[in-house]
Amino acid sequence: MVTEGWSFCPMCLREITEQDKATITQTLTHILNEEASQYEHLLCTELETFAIIETVLPEFRKHLNEQELNVAQTALANLNRILYAVQQKINQRKSDIYKALKSPFSEEDCRAYADAVVAWRKALDAIEECVKRFNDSVNKRTKLYKQIRTENSLLARKQHSALLRSYKQAKENSDKNRELLDSKSKEREKVQMEIKSLKTQKERTDIALDYINHELQYVFYSNRKVVLEPGDGCYKLRINGKAVRPKKISVGERNVLGLCYFFAKLFGGKTETAKYSSEYLIVIDDPVSSFDHGNRVGVMSLLRFQFGNILKGNTNSRILVLSHDLQSIFDLMKIRNEVIEKNDPTFMELVNHNLKMHKSKNEYKKLLECVFEYASKAETYDIDDISDISIGNTMRRLLEAYSSFCYDIGFEKMLRKHDILMEIPEDKRVYYANFMYRLTLNTESHMEENIYTLNGITARFTKDEKIQTAKSVLLFLLYINKPHLEAYLSEHITEIENWKNDEEKWILSIK
């Protein structure tokens, strides 16, 4: 009516205005659009239902199940062709929903679609069956493979059991050897450390060797007299350029070596400054025993040098020197007084396990002077009765003091010491050994027991015999230690030397 331009309703003959036409058109359009929308949605759903099938068929190795795959691919292609045609018609309808299709679906199309779906499903079932068979075969093969591996392992183990035993034994040996290697490596490291330590000690020994040789040169005033050289793990000794065994050198030379080694050990590993600045307590016993006069001077000079540096380097350091030799005591006192810059005449004497203070101008020198005075003046001057009576004990005390300080023995034992008697001329040795022994009176030394009586030698000897004995005592000391006697009776040495003229008469008188 709208398109043909009617002005009234053919049903009720009512006039239709332009507004009525617009309202009718709007209402019909709304109704038709809603139905069209629902129909379009239905078409979209159908498109999804008849969507092209996109799937990937399984692949089998070496043309396995090739026929089934070809059938499935053909069925899929045929079904997708039909689905594509269906989608074309749905899209055609969708593009114009108010216009009917010129060639809608026929029964033949429906049968073709149904047949294609059935063929596709059969092909899929066949493929699934192939996949199942394939998986079963794979599972069986895997199981069989595991079984074969187990059997092969058992077979190999049986075939190679001897090799396995050898391997286990070799592994055990390897473990033991590894442990042994570790142990030897540790031992090697230990030995290397010891070698390193020994090398370090050798370096220190070389340094000590130079130091000892320097000290020896200081004592002997010669770089050839006594020299130490490095040996294989020891020192080698040369005397005046000749190799000498230590037991072949004199006691005095051994003592010098010991003293020099002592200072080298004391200062070992210290710098020139630190070796004297350290605090020391030094104890030395008889540092100048068994020395001749020249070596005695050298040792005293060395002690003077070292003691001076030690005491000046550290005022807390202390030095104790022990000796049985009075001359050594006096020399050491001089060294002490020079170092401390004081005139101290005292020294300590150990008597019966007790220390007793003495002065350098002591009883010993007085004893020497008394014996000399009696020997030189008794013939021409009157000697008081006390001196005449006590001269025997005075001589005993003199010899006892000398033997105690110098040799730490009683004087009767001193008279029997071969090395002491060797200092006396051979033709006079028997005389002094026997005649001097008369002073002992066949008893223990009076000096040792501190017993002084008035009868002893006085009651048994004439005055001439006592004078002869006094002279013999001083001559005996002159022979065995002239420097010692010179230190105390320097003004009378010539007179004592002259007494040797009487020795032949004395010797003849006792034959």
Protein backbone atom coordinates (compact mmCIF):
# COMPACT_ATOMS: atom_id res chain seq x y z
CA MET A 1 0.00 0.00 0.00
CA VAL A 2 2.82 2.32 0.79
CA THR A 3 4.71 1.60 -2.35
CA GLU A 4 1.62 1.74 -4.56
CA GLY A 5 0.48 5.02 -3.03
CA TRP A 6 -2.93 4.03 -1.63
CA SER A 7 -4.72 6.73 0.31
CA PHE A 8 -7.22 4.47 2.13
CA CYS A 9 -7.25 1.05 3.74
CA PRO A 10 -8.66 -1.57 1.38
CA MET A 11 -10.06 -3.49 4.30
CA CYS A 12 -11.88 -0.79 6.25
CA LEU A 13 -11.75 1.96 3.66
CA ARG A 14 -10.36 4.35 6.26
CA GLU A 15 -8.23 7.17 5.00
CA ILE A 16 -4.51 6.63 5.39
CA THR A 17 -2.50 9.70 6.10
CA GLU A 18 1.19 10.15 5.57
CA GLN A 19 1.71 9.85 9.30
CA ASP A 20 -0.20 6.57 9.29
CA LYS A 21 2.00 5.34 6.51
CA ALA A 22 5.15 6.23 8.46
CA THR A 23 3.89 4.56 11.62
CA ILE A 24 2.87 1.40 9.77
CA THR A 25 6.21 1.28 7.99
CA GLN A 26 8.14 1.73 11.25
CA THR A 27 6.12 -0.97 13.03
CA LEU A 28 6.50 -3.50 10.24
CA THR A 29 10.20 -2.77 9.94
CA HIS A 30 10.70 -3.38 13.66
CA ILE A 31 8.85 -6.68 13.53
CA LEU A 32 10.68 -7.88 10.47
CA ASN A 33 14.11 -6.79 11.78
CA GLU A 34 13.68 -8.76 15.00
CA GLU A 35 12.73 -11.90 13.10
CA ALA A 36 15.59 -11.30 10.72
CA SER A 37 18.03 -10.98 13.61
CA GLN A 38 16.86 -14.25 15.13
CA TYR A 39 17.07 -15.97 11.77
CA GLU A 40 20.56 -14.57 11.16
CA HIS A 41 21.69 -15.91 14.54
CA LEU A 42 20.30 -19.29 13.61
CA LEU A 43 22.24 -19.18 10.34
CA CYS A 44 25.47 -18.40 12.24
CA THR A 45 24.86 -21.38 14.50
CA GLU A 46 24.39 -23.56 11.46
CA LEU A 47 27.65 -22.26 10.01
CA GLU A 48 29.43 -23.44 13.14
CA THR A 49 27.67 -26.79 12.95
CA PHE A 50 28.77 -27.30 9.36
CA ALA A 51 32.28 -25.88 9.87
CA ILE A 52 35.17 -27.25 7.83
CA ILE A 53 36.91 -30.09 9.71
CA GLU A 54 40.54 -29.21 10.32
CA THR A 55 42.44 -32.13 11.84
CA VAL A 56 45.90 -33.66 11.60
CA LEU A 57 45.96 -37.34 10.95
CA PRO A 58 48.68 -39.40 12.73
CA GLU A 59 51.88 -40.30 10.93
CA PHE A 60 53.12 -43.86 10.88
CA ARG A 61 56.67 -44.96 10.14
CA LYS A 62 57.65 -46.52 6.84
CA HIS A 63 54.21 -46.39 5.12
CA LEU A 64 52.59 -48.20 8.02
CA ASN A 65 48.73 -48.16 7.68
CA GLU A 66 49.08 -46.19 4.49
CA GLN A 67 45.78 -47.53 3.09
CA GLU A 68 43.76 -46.49 6.12
CA LEU A 69 45.36 -43.04 6.01
CA ASN A 70 44.47 -42.62 2.32
CA VAL A 71 40.87 -43.64 2.98
CA ALA A 72 40.63 -41.21 5.88
CA GLN A 73 42.15 -38.38 3.86
CA THR A 74 39.70 -39.08 0.97
CA ALA A 75 36.71 -39.21 3.33
CA LEU A 76 37.83 -35.99 5.01
CA ALA A 77 38.27 -34.22 1.69
CA ASN A 78 34.83 -35.37 0.47
CA LEU A 79 33.13 -34.32 3.72
CA ASN A 80 34.85 -30.92 3.73
CA ARG A 81 33.76 -30.40 0.10
CA ILE A 82 30.11 -31.01 1.07
CA LEU A 83 30.47 -28.83 4.18
CA TYR A 84 31.93 -26.08 2.05
CA ALA A 85 28.88 -26.23 -0.29
CA VAL A 86 26.53 -26.10 2.70
CA GLN A 87 28.38 -23.09 4.07
CA GLN A 88 28.10 -21.36 0.70
CA LYS A 89 24.31 -21.73 0.69
CA ILE A 90 24.02 -20.61 4.33
CA ASN A 91 26.13 -17.55 3.60
CA GLN A 92 23.98 -16.87 0.52
CA ARG A 93 20.85 -17.00 2.63
CA LYS A 94 22.50 -14.92 5.31
CA SER A 95 23.36 -12.21 2.84
CA ASP A 96 19.65 -11.79 1.92
CA ILE A 97 17.37 -13.33 4.46
CA TYR A 98 14.22 -11.99 2.78
CA LYS A 99 15.01 -13.71 -0.47
CA ALA A 100 14.50 -17.43 -0.93
CA LEU A 101 17.27 -19.66 -2.27
CA LYS A 102 17.06 -20.47 -5.93
CA SER A 103 18.35 -24.05 -5.34
CA PRO A 104 17.75 -25.17 -1.75
CA PHE A 105 19.09 -28.45 -0.31
CA SER A 106 17.76 -31.53 -2.04
CA GLU A 107 17.29 -35.02 -0.66
CA GLU A 108 20.27 -36.10 -2.71
CA ASP A 109 22.40 -33.42 -1.02
CA CYS A 110 21.24 -34.64 2.38
CA ARG A 111 22.06 -38.26 1.55
CA ALA A 112 25.48 -37.25 0.22
CA TYR A 113 26.19 -35.36 3.43
CA ALA A 114 25.04 -38.29 5.60
CA ASP A 115 27.11 -40.75 3.57
CA ALA A 116 30.17 -38.49 3.81
CA VAL A 117 29.80 -38.23 7.60
CA VAL A 118 29.45 -42.02 7.92
CA ALA A 119 32.49 -42.57 5.69
CA TRP A 120 34.53 -40.09 7.74
CA ARG A 121 33.57 -41.73 11.03
CA LYS A 122 34.45 -45.17 9.70
CA ALA A 123 37.78 -43.84 8.49
CA LEU A 124 38.41 -42.30 11.93
CA ASP A 125 37.52 -45.56 13.65
CA ALA A 126 39.93 -47.37 11.37
CA ILE A 127 42.66 -44.82 12.14
CA GLU A 128 42.01 -45.12 15.88
CA GLU A 129 42.30 -48.87 15.59
CA CYS A 130 45.58 -48.45 13.76
CA VAL A 131 46.82 -46.07 16.45
CA LYS A 132 45.82 -48.53 19.15
CA ARG A 133 47.60 -51.37 17.40
CA PHE A 134 50.64 -49.15 16.92
CA ASN A 135 50.70 -48.10 20.57
CA ASP A 136 50.25 -51.68 21.68
CA SER A 137 53.14 -52.74 19.51
CA VAL A 138 55.25 -49.89 20.87
CA ASN A 139 54.39 -50.83 24.46
CA LYS A 140 55.17 -54.45 23.76
CA ARG A 141 58.40 -53.46 22.10
CA THR A 142 59.36 -51.24 25.06
CA LYS A 143 58.59 -54.02 27.49
CA LEU A 144 60.46 -56.48 25.34
CA TYR A 145 63.36 -54.03 25.07
CA LYS A 146 63.53 -53.73 28.85
CA GLN A 147 63.40 -57.49 29.18
CA ILE A 148 66.10 -57.89 26.56
CA ARG A 149 68.27 -55.33 28.36
CA THR A 150 67.79 -57.19 31.63
CA GLU A 151 68.65 -60.48 29.98
CA ASN A 152 71.62 -58.91 28.23
CA SER A 153 72.82 -57.47 31.54
CA LEU A 154 72.54 -60.87 33.21
CA LEU A 155 74.25 -62.51 30.27
CA ALA A 156 76.99 -59.88 30.21
CA ARG A 157 77.44 -60.19 33.95
CA LYS A 158 77.74 -63.94 33.61
CA GLN A 159 80.11 -63.66 30.69
CA HIS A 160 82.19 -60.93 32.34
CA SER A 161 82.02 -62.08 35.98
CA ALA A 162 85.78 -62.68 35.97
CA LEU A 163 86.32 -59.19 34.61
CA LEU A 164 83.95 -57.82 37.24
CA ARG A 165 85.90 -59.54 39.98
CA SER A 166 89.10 -58.18 38.50
CA TYR A 167 87.52 -54.74 38.32
CA LYS A 168 86.40 -54.90 41.96
CA GLN A 169 89.84 -56.06 43.00
CA ALA A 170 91.43 -53.34 40.89
CA LYS A 171 89.08 -50.77 42.44
CA GLU A 172 89.96 -51.95 45.95
CA ASN A 173 93.65 -51.77 45.04
CA SER A 174 93.06 -48.34 43.56
CA ASP A 175 91.38 -47.15 46.77
CA LYS A 176 94.22 -48.57 48.85
CA ASN A 177 96.81 -47.02 46.56
CA ARG A 178 94.96 -43.71 46.72
CA GLU A 179 95.03 -43.86 50.52
CA LEU A 180 98.70 -44.83 50.38
CA LEU A 181 99.34 -41.99 47.94
CA ASP A 182 97.59 -39.56 50.27
CA SER A 183 99.67 -40.87 53.16
CA LYS A 184 102.89 -40.61 51.16
CA SER A 185 101.90 -37.15 49.97
CA LYS A 186 101.50 -36.06 53.58
CA GLU A 187 104.83 -37.68 54.43
CA ARG A 188 106.36 -35.91 51.44
CA GLU A 189 104.97 -32.59 52.62
CA LYS A 190 106.33 -33.33 56.09
CA VAL A 191 109.76 -34.21 54.67
CA GLN A 192 109.71 -31.08 52.52
CA MET A 193 108.93 -29.03 55.61
CA GLU A 194 111.78 -30.76 57.45
CA ILE A 195 114.10 -30.11 54.50
CA LYS A 196 113.02 -26.49 54.51
CA SER A 197 113.60 -26.34 58.26
CA LEU A 198 117.02 -27.99 57.88
CA LYS A 199 117.94 -25.56 55.12
CA THR A 200 116.91 -22.72 57.38
CA GLN A 201 118.95 -24.25 60.20
CA LYS A 202 121.88 -24.70 57.81
CA GLU A 203 121.67 -21.04 56.88
CA ARG A 204 121.65 -20.18 60.57
CA THR A 205 124.49 -22.68 61.11
CA ASP A 206 126.56 -20.98 58.43
CA ILE A 207 125.96 -17.67 60.15
CA ALA A 208 126.87 -19.24 63.51
CA LEU A 209 129.96 -20.77 61.91
CA ASP A 210 131.21 -17.37 60.80
CA TYR A 211 130.49 -16.00 64.26
CA ILE A 212 132.33 -18.85 66.03
CA ASN A 213 135.37 -18.49 63.77
CA HIS A 214 135.41 -14.76 64.44
CA GLU A 215 135.38 -15.45 68.19
CA LEU A 216 138.13 -18.08 67.83
CA GLN A 217 140.25 -15.60 65.93
CA TYR A 218 139.60 -13.09 68.74
CA VAL A 219 140.84 -15.58 71.37
CA PHE A 220 143.86 -17.05 69.57
CA TYR A 221 144.89 -13.86 67.72
CA SER A 222 145.09 -15.96 64.54
CA ASN A 223 142.77 -16.93 61.71
CA ARG A 224 144.48 -20.33 61.31
CA LYS A 225 145.06 -21.54 64.86
CA VAL A 226 141.57 -23.08 65.32
CA VAL A 227 139.01 -22.93 62.49
CA LEU A 228 135.62 -24.60 62.02
CA GLU A 229 134.44 -25.58 58.55
CA PRO A 230 131.00 -26.81 57.42
CA GLY A 231 130.72 -30.58 57.00
CA ASP A 232 127.99 -33.05 56.13
CA GLY A 233 125.59 -32.30 58.97
CA CYS A 234 128.46 -31.39 61.29
CA TYR A 235 131.40 -29.08 61.83
CA LYS A 236 134.93 -29.96 60.73
CA LEU A 237 137.89 -28.79 62.74
CA ARG A 238 141.21 -27.50 61.46
CA ILE A 239 144.21 -26.68 63.64
CA ASN A 240 146.83 -24.57 61.88
CA GLY A 241 145.34 -25.56 58.53
CA LYS A 242 145.26 -29.32 59.20
CA ALA A 243 142.10 -31.39 59.68
CA VAL A 244 141.96 -32.69 63.27
CA ARG A 245 139.47 -34.82 65.17
CA PRO A 246 137.98 -33.02 68.19
CA LYS A 247 139.33 -35.64 70.61
CA LYS A 248 142.86 -34.89 69.43
CA ILE A 249 142.86 -31.25 70.54
CA SER A 250 143.75 -30.04 74.01
CA VAL A 251 141.24 -29.57 76.81
CA GLY A 252 141.84 -25.83 76.69
CA GLU A 253 141.08 -25.66 72.96
CA ARG A 254 137.90 -27.65 73.52
CA ASN A 255 136.84 -25.22 76.22
CA VAL A 256 137.48 -22.27 73.91
CA LEU A 257 135.32 -23.92 71.23
CA GLY A 258 132.59 -24.54 73.79
CA LEU A 259 132.70 -20.95 75.00
CA CYS A 260 132.53 -19.52 71.45
CA TYR A 261 129.67 -21.89 70.57
CA PHE A 262 127.88 -20.80 73.75
CA PHE A 263 127.90 -17.15 72.67
CA ALA A 264 126.91 -18.09 69.10
CA LYS A 265 123.95 -20.05 70.47
CA LEU A 266 123.07 -17.25 72.88
CA PHE A 267 122.92 -14.63 70.12
CA GLY A 268 121.58 -16.92 67.37
CA GLY A 269 118.86 -15.42 65.16
CA LYS A 270 119.23 -11.93 66.63
CA THR A 271 120.31 -8.72 64.98
CA GLU A 272 123.49 -6.96 66.00
CA THR A 273 121.45 -4.54 68.10
CA ALA A 274 118.99 -7.00 69.62
CA LYS A 275 121.56 -9.58 70.71
CA TYR A 276 122.88 -7.27 73.44
CA SER A 277 119.65 -5.44 74.29
CA SER A 278 117.94 -8.69 75.38
CA GLU A 279 117.84 -9.55 79.07
CA TYR A 280 120.08 -12.49 80.05
CA LEU A 281 120.96 -14.60 83.07
CA ILE A 282 124.32 -16.17 82.18
CA VAL A 283 126.11 -18.83 84.25
CA ILE A 284 129.60 -19.94 83.15
CA ASP A 285 131.71 -22.53 84.95
CA ASP A 286 135.52 -22.38 84.71
CA PRO A 287 135.75 -20.44 81.42
CA VAL A 288 139.59 -20.37 81.50
CA SER A 289 140.44 -23.79 82.91
CA SER A 290 143.29 -25.77 81.31
CA PHE A 291 144.67 -22.78 79.37
CA ASP A 292 148.23 -21.65 78.94
CA HIS A 293 149.01 -18.01 79.59
CA GLY A 294 148.56 -16.83 75.99
CA ASN A 295 145.18 -18.48 75.51
CA ARG A 296 144.13 -17.38 78.98
CA VAL A 297 144.65 -13.76 77.97
CA GLY A 298 142.66 -14.31 74.77
CA VAL A 299 139.72 -15.86 76.62
CA MET A 300 139.72 -13.12 79.23
CA SER A 301 139.76 -10.54 76.45
CA LEU A 302 136.75 -12.23 74.82
CA LEU A 303 134.88 -12.37 78.14
CA ARG A 304 135.69 -8.71 78.76
CA PHE A 305 134.22 -7.79 75.36
CA GLN A 306 131.06 -9.91 75.69
CA PHE A 307 130.34 -9.18 79.35
CA GLY A 308 130.78 -5.46 78.75
CA ASN A 309 128.35 -5.41 75.82
CA ILE A 310 125.78 -7.61 77.60
CA LEU A 311 125.71 -5.55 80.80
CA LYS A 312 125.72 -2.23 78.96
CA GLY A 313 123.08 -3.42 76.48
CA ASN A 314 120.60 -4.29 79.23
CA THR A 315 121.10 -3.25 82.84
CA ASN A 316 118.81 -6.08 84.00
CA SER A 317 121.18 -8.77 82.68
CA ARG A 318 123.14 -10.76 85.26
CA ILE A 319 126.32 -12.85 84.88
CA LEU A 320 127.57 -15.53 87.30
CA VAL A 321 131.05 -17.00 86.74
CA LEU A 322 132.30 -20.00 88.74
CA SER A 323 135.95 -21.02 88.99
CA HIS A 324 138.37 -23.02 91.11
CA ASP A 325 141.30 -20.89 89.95
CA LEU A 326 142.10 -17.90 92.14
CA GLN A 327 143.97 -16.18 89.34
CA SER A 328 140.89 -16.51 87.15
CA ILE A 329 138.79 -15.07 89.95
CA PHE A 330 141.07 -12.05 90.23
CA ASP A 331 141.13 -11.55 86.46
CA LEU A 332 137.34 -11.77 86.31
CA MET A 333 137.07 -9.30 89.18
CA LYS A 334 139.15 -6.85 87.15
CA ILE A 335 136.81 -7.34 84.19
CA ARG A 336 133.78 -6.81 86.42
CA ASN A 337 135.21 -3.64 87.95
CA GLU A 338 136.08 -2.23 84.53
CA VAL A 339 132.60 -2.92 83.19
CA ILE A 340 130.68 -1.55 86.19
CA GLU A 341 133.28 1.20 86.67
CA LYS A 342 133.68 0.43 90.37
CA ASN A 343 136.53 -0.85 92.49
CA ASP A 344 134.88 -3.80 94.22
CA PRO A 345 137.47 -6.13 95.81
CA THR A 346 134.96 -8.80 96.91
CA PHE A 347 134.05 -12.21 95.56
CA MET A 348 132.04 -15.17 96.89
CA GLU A 349 133.46 -18.55 97.92
CA LEU A 350 131.40 -21.71 98.35
CA VAL A 351 132.50 -23.36 101.58
CA ASN A 352 130.64 -26.40 102.91
CA HIS A 353 127.58 -25.53 100.81
CA ASN A 354 127.58 -21.95 102.11
CA LEU A 355 128.64 -18.77 100.32
CA LYS A 356 131.32 -16.76 102.06
CA MET A 357 132.37 -13.24 101.13
CA HIS A 358 136.07 -12.66 100.43
CA LYS A 359 138.22 -9.74 99.40
CA SER A 360 140.85 -9.99 96.72
CA LYS A 361 143.56 -9.17 99.24
CA ASN A 362 142.63 -12.22 101.18
CA GLU A 363 144.01 -14.94 103.35
CA TYR A 364 145.37 -16.83 100.35
CA LYS A 365 147.84 -14.10 99.46
CA LYS A 366 148.75 -13.78 103.09
CA LEU A 367 149.42 -17.54 103.22
CA LEU A 368 151.75 -17.24 100.22
CA GLU A 369 153.58 -14.34 101.81
CA CYS A 370 153.91 -16.24 105.11
CA VAL A 371 155.36 -19.31 103.40
CA PHE A 372 157.79 -17.19 101.36
CA GLU A 373 158.86 -15.22 104.42
CA TYR A 374 159.54 -18.42 106.36
CA ALA A 375 161.42 -20.03 103.44
CA SER A 376 163.60 -16.98 102.81
CA LYS A 377 164.26 -15.67 106.33
CA ALA A 378 164.10 -18.59 108.73
CA GLU A 379 167.79 -19.40 108.23
CA THR A 380 169.08 -15.88 108.96
CA TYR A 381 166.40 -14.34 111.12
CA ASP A 382 164.69 -15.46 114.24
CA ILE A 383 161.13 -16.54 113.49
CA ASP A 384 158.59 -16.19 116.24
CA ASP A 385 157.46 -19.38 117.88
CA ILE A 386 153.90 -19.08 116.60
CA SER A 387 155.06 -18.86 112.96
CA ASP A 388 157.49 -21.73 113.48
CA ILE A 389 154.84 -23.88 115.09
CA SER A 390 152.06 -23.10 112.56
CA ILE A 391 154.11 -23.15 109.32
CA GLY A 392 153.06 -26.74 108.61
CA ASN A 393 149.39 -25.89 108.78
CA THR A 394 150.03 -22.70 106.79
CA MET A 395 151.58 -24.70 103.94
CA ARG A 396 148.75 -27.23 104.05
CA ARG A 397 146.15 -24.47 103.94
CA LEU A 398 147.98 -22.79 101.04
CA LEU A 399 148.10 -25.96 98.94
CA GLU A 400 144.54 -26.89 99.89
CA ALA A 401 143.28 -23.47 98.83
CA TYR A 402 145.14 -23.68 95.54
CA SER A 403 144.01 -27.23 94.72
CA SER A 404 140.42 -26.49 95.74
CA PHE A 405 140.12 -23.35 93.62
CA CYS A 406 142.05 -24.64 90.61
CA TYR A 407 141.04 -28.30 90.49
CA ASP A 408 138.21 -28.77 93.00
CA ILE A 409 140.16 -31.52 94.78
CA GLY A 410 142.26 -31.90 97.92
CA PHE A 411 145.94 -31.12 97.53
CA GLU A 412 147.02 -34.71 98.21
CA LYS A 413 144.97 -35.76 95.14
CA MET A 414 146.49 -32.90 93.20
CA LEU A 415 149.93 -34.38 93.92
CA ARG A 416 148.80 -37.61 92.24
CA LYS A 417 147.35 -36.01 89.08
CA HIS A 418 149.53 -37.03 86.19
CA ASP A 419 148.80 -34.00 83.98
CA ILE A 420 149.83 -31.65 86.82
CA LEU A 421 153.05 -33.51 87.62
CA MET A 422 153.93 -33.47 83.91
CA GLU A 423 154.60 -29.72 84.28
CA ILE A 424 157.55 -30.56 86.58
CA PRO A 425 160.88 -31.56 85.00
CA GLU A 426 161.13 -35.33 84.77
CA ASP A 427 164.24 -35.66 86.97
CA LYS A 428 162.51 -33.75 89.77
CA ARG A 429 159.01 -35.20 89.41
CA VAL A 430 159.44 -38.07 91.88
CA TYR A 431 160.92 -35.78 94.51
CA TYR A 432 158.02 -33.35 94.48
CA ALA A 433 155.41 -36.09 94.30
CA ASN A 434 156.84 -37.88 97.35
CA PHE A 435 158.28 -35.06 99.43
CA MET A 436 155.23 -32.82 99.12
CA TYR A 437 153.03 -35.71 100.11
CA ARG A 438 154.65 -35.63 103.56
CA LEU A 439 152.45 -32.61 104.26
CA THR A 440 149.39 -34.82 104.34
CA LEU A 441 150.82 -36.70 107.35
CA ASN A 442 148.99 -39.77 106.12
CA THR A 443 145.67 -38.21 107.20
CA GLU A 444 142.88 -36.25 105.62
CA SER A 445 143.68 -32.66 104.82
CA HIS A 446 143.52 -30.35 107.79
CA MET A 447 142.18 -27.69 105.46
CA GLU A 448 139.21 -29.82 104.50
CA GLU A 449 138.24 -30.49 108.09
CA ASN A 450 139.21 -27.01 109.36
CA ILE A 451 141.29 -28.66 112.11
CA TYR A 452 144.49 -26.90 112.96
CA THR A 453 146.71 -28.47 115.61
CA LEU A 454 150.08 -27.53 117.04
CA ASN A 455 151.65 -30.96 116.69
CA GLY A 456 151.50 -32.27 113.07
CA ILE A 457 154.45 -31.32 110.89
CA THR A 458 156.14 -29.23 113.63
CA ALA A 459 156.70 -32.19 115.92
CA ARG A 460 158.06 -34.40 113.13
CA PHE A 461 160.35 -32.07 111.09
CA THR A 462 163.46 -30.12 111.97
CA LYS A 463 163.68 -26.44 111.17
CA ASP A 464 165.87 -27.10 108.11
CA GLU A 465 163.35 -29.62 106.86
CA LYS A 466 160.53 -27.12 107.32
CA ILE A 467 162.50 -24.48 105.38
CA GLN A 468 163.17 -27.02 102.63
CA THR A 469 159.47 -27.91 102.58
CA ALA A 470 158.42 -24.25 102.34
CA LYS A 471 160.81 -23.68 99.43
CA SER A 472 159.60 -26.89 97.78
CA VAL A 473 155.97 -25.75 98.09
CA LEU A 474 156.70 -22.48 96.30
CA LEU A 475 158.88 -24.16 93.66
CA PHE A 476 156.12 -26.71 93.10
CA LEU A 477 153.66 -23.87 92.40
CA LEU A 478 156.26 -22.19 90.20
CA TYR A 479 156.56 -25.30 88.04
CA ILE A 480 152.87 -26.07 87.64
CA ASN A 481 151.54 -22.48 87.36
CA LYS A 482 154.19 -19.81 87.09
CA PRO A 483 151.76 -17.02 86.00
CA HIS A 484 149.72 -17.72 89.11
CA LEU A 485 152.70 -17.35 91.43
CA GLU A 486 153.93 -14.28 89.56
CA ALA A 487 150.55 -12.63 90.15
CA TYR A 488 150.99 -12.89 93.93
CA LEU A 489 154.78 -12.83 94.50
CA SER A 490 156.02 -10.94 91.46
CA GLU A 491 158.75 -9.18 93.48
CA HIS A 492 160.15 -12.48 94.76
CA ILE A 493 160.05 -14.67 91.63
CA THR A 494 163.78 -14.27 90.96
CA GLU A 495 164.68 -15.39 94.47
CA ILE A 496 162.34 -18.37 94.20
CA GLU A 497 163.92 -19.27 90.84
CA ASN A 498 167.34 -19.30 92.57
CA TRP A 499 166.13 -21.96 95.00
CA LYS A 500 166.29 -24.43 92.11
CA ASN A 501 170.03 -24.59 92.81
CA ASP A 502 169.26 -26.47 96.02
CA GLU A 503 167.02 -29.07 94.34
CA GLU A 504 169.86 -31.46 93.46
CA LYS A 505 171.01 -31.53 97.10
CA TRP A 506 167.44 -32.19 98.26
CA ILE A 507 166.98 -34.99 95.76
CA LEU A 508 170.25 -36.68 96.80
CA SER A 509 169.31 -36.41 100.48
CA ILE A 510 166.25 -38.62 100.04
CA LYS A 511 167.86 -41.31 97.86
